[in-house]
Amino acid sequence: MVRRPSLGPQEEVTFPVAFRDLATDDVRAIHSWYETQQVGLGARFVSSLDLAVGLISEHPLSCPVAYRRIRRVLLPGFPYALFYLSQPDTVIVLACLHQSRSPRTVRKRLRAEPNPACSGLAQLRCARH
């Protein structure tokens, strides 16, 4: 049996995650709605969002492509998904949308996004970092 040499501890590489203004608006509206339904549910939503942001920060190419180069990560415990672009040095979140939306509606919303490299990005770091 041939054994591979140990590579030792690997450095963890994370990419900054930036939210487009519309995605930030999505998250705020969803958080507010959950808080009106039950106190503390909005905080649980944010915790789920933090997990998803952490995943795409550490493994931006691990989630499936939903439309053209735009990928989708599901929020655990909630019927929402983040739609994002993986760039060489950053991850850009374009939208946070309910999964029951029709694919046509999602594509229309994602096509309406201006160039993600433009200004107007709200920086967000995962709460775990």
Protein backbone atom coordinates (compact mmCIF):
# COMPACT_ATOMS: atom_id res chain seq x y z
CA MET A 1 0.00 0.00 0.00
CA VAL A 2 1.32 3.40 -0.98
CA ARG A 3 0.69 6.26 1.42
CA ARG A 4 0.63 9.87 0.42
CA PRO A 5 2.81 12.22 2.44
CA SER A 6 0.96 14.45 4.86
CA LEU A 7 0.54 17.96 3.56
CA GLY A 8 0.05 19.40 7.03
CA PRO A 9 -2.65 21.86 7.96
CA GLN A 10 -4.04 23.71 4.98
CA GLU A 11 -4.63 27.41 5.07
CA GLU A 12 -8.26 28.37 4.76
CA VAL A 13 -8.91 30.80 1.95
CA THR A 14 -12.02 32.95 2.18
CA PHE A 15 -13.32 35.52 -0.25
CA PRO A 16 -15.04 38.73 0.77
CA VAL A 17 -18.77 38.70 0.14
CA ALA A 18 -20.44 41.87 -1.14
CA PHE A 19 -24.22 42.37 -1.33
CA ARG A 20 -25.78 44.43 -4.13
CA ASP A 21 -28.15 47.07 -2.82
CA LEU A 22 -31.19 45.12 -4.05
CA ALA A 23 -29.97 41.98 -2.24
CA THR A 24 -29.54 44.01 0.95
CA ASP A 25 -33.09 45.29 0.51
CA ASP A 26 -34.30 41.70 0.04
CA VAL A 27 -32.63 40.57 3.26
CA ARG A 28 -33.98 43.50 5.28
CA ALA A 29 -37.53 42.91 4.04
CA ILE A 30 -37.35 39.17 4.77
CA HIS A 31 -35.89 39.78 8.24
CA SER A 32 -38.64 42.29 9.05
CA TRP A 33 -41.36 39.96 7.84
CA TYR A 34 -40.06 37.05 9.97
CA GLU A 35 -39.78 39.30 13.03
CA THR A 36 -43.43 40.32 12.64
CA GLN A 37 -44.41 36.66 12.47
CA GLN A 38 -42.53 35.65 15.62
CA VAL A 39 -40.03 37.50 17.78
CA GLY A 40 -36.59 35.97 17.26
CA LEU A 41 -37.44 34.34 13.92
CA GLY A 42 -35.71 37.18 12.08
CA ALA A 43 -32.55 36.48 14.08
CA ARG A 44 -32.79 32.79 13.11
CA PHE A 45 -33.08 33.90 9.48
CA VAL A 46 -29.92 36.01 9.85
CA SER A 47 -28.08 33.04 11.40
CA SER A 48 -29.10 30.91 8.42
CA LEU A 49 -27.95 33.69 6.10
CA ASP A 50 -24.59 33.79 7.91
CA LEU A 51 -24.15 30.04 7.32
CA ALA A 52 -24.86 30.44 3.61
CA VAL A 53 -22.54 33.45 3.33
CA GLY A 54 -19.81 31.50 5.13
CA LEU A 55 -20.22 28.62 2.67
CA ILE A 56 -19.95 30.79 -0.43
CA SER A 57 -17.08 32.74 1.11
CA GLU A 58 -15.07 29.56 1.68
CA HIS A 59 -16.29 27.49 -1.31
CA PRO A 60 -17.73 29.88 -3.91
CA LEU A 61 -17.81 27.29 -6.71
CA SER A 62 -19.50 24.54 -4.66
CA CYS A 63 -23.08 25.60 -5.38
CA PRO A 64 -24.91 24.92 -8.64
CA VAL A 65 -25.25 27.42 -11.44
CA ALA A 66 -28.85 28.63 -11.57
CA TYR A 67 -28.72 31.03 -14.52
CA ARG A 68 -25.76 31.73 -16.79
CA ARG A 69 -22.82 32.29 -14.39
CA ILE A 70 -25.06 33.03 -11.40
CA ARG A 71 -24.97 30.41 -8.65
CA ARG A 72 -27.54 29.61 -5.97
CA VAL A 73 -27.09 28.64 -2.33
CA LEU A 74 -30.06 27.60 -0.20
CA LEU A 75 -30.59 29.05 3.27
CA PRO A 76 -30.90 26.18 5.76
CA GLY A 77 -34.28 26.08 7.48
CA PHE A 78 -35.82 28.80 5.31
CA PRO A 79 -37.40 28.75 1.85
CA TYR A 80 -34.95 31.31 0.46
CA ALA A 81 -31.86 31.22 -1.72
CA LEU A 82 -28.99 33.61 -2.33
CA PHE A 83 -28.08 34.15 -5.97
CA TYR A 84 -24.47 35.19 -6.45
CA LEU A 85 -21.56 35.62 -8.83
CA SER A 86 -18.16 34.24 -8.02
CA GLN A 87 -15.45 36.66 -9.13
CA PRO A 88 -11.69 36.00 -8.93
CA ASP A 89 -11.30 38.05 -5.74
CA THR A 90 -14.83 38.42 -4.33
CA VAL A 91 -18.31 36.94 -4.21
CA ILE A 92 -21.18 39.25 -5.17
CA VAL A 93 -24.68 38.48 -3.88
CA LEU A 94 -27.27 39.69 -6.39
CA ALA A 95 -30.52 38.66 -4.71
CA CYS A 96 -32.17 36.76 -1.87
CA LEU A 97 -35.37 35.26 -3.28
CA HIS A 98 -38.09 32.88 -2.13
CA GLN A 99 -37.71 29.46 -3.71
CA SER A 100 -41.38 29.33 -4.73
CA ARG A 101 -40.81 32.09 -7.27
CA SER A 102 -41.10 30.88 -10.84
CA PRO A 103 -37.81 30.39 -12.70
CA ARG A 104 -38.97 33.01 -15.22
CA THR A 105 -39.44 35.60 -12.44
CA VAL A 106 -36.02 34.78 -10.96
CA ARG A 107 -34.30 35.07 -14.34
CA LYS A 108 -36.05 38.37 -15.03
CA ARG A 109 -34.88 39.75 -11.69
CA LEU A 110 -31.31 38.52 -12.22
CA ARG A 111 -31.16 39.92 -15.76
CA ALA A 112 -32.25 43.28 -14.39
CA GLU A 113 -29.12 43.48 -12.24
CA PRO A 114 -26.64 46.10 -13.45
CA ASN A 115 -22.98 45.24 -13.87
CA PRO A 116 -21.98 43.73 -10.48
CA ALA A 117 -18.54 45.33 -10.72
CA CYS A 118 -20.15 48.78 -10.44
CA SER A 119 -20.31 50.80 -7.27
CA GLY A 120 -23.18 50.46 -4.85
CA LEU A 121 -22.00 47.32 -3.09
CA ALA A 122 -22.76 46.91 0.58
CA GLN A 123 -19.97 44.94 2.20
CA LEU A 124 -20.99 42.12 4.53
CA ARG A 125 -18.75 39.80 6.44
CA CYS A 126 -19.96 36.51 7.75
CA ALA A 127 -20.57 36.65 11.52
CA ARG A 128 -18.28 33.61 11.96
CA HIS A 129 -15.20 35.54 10.78
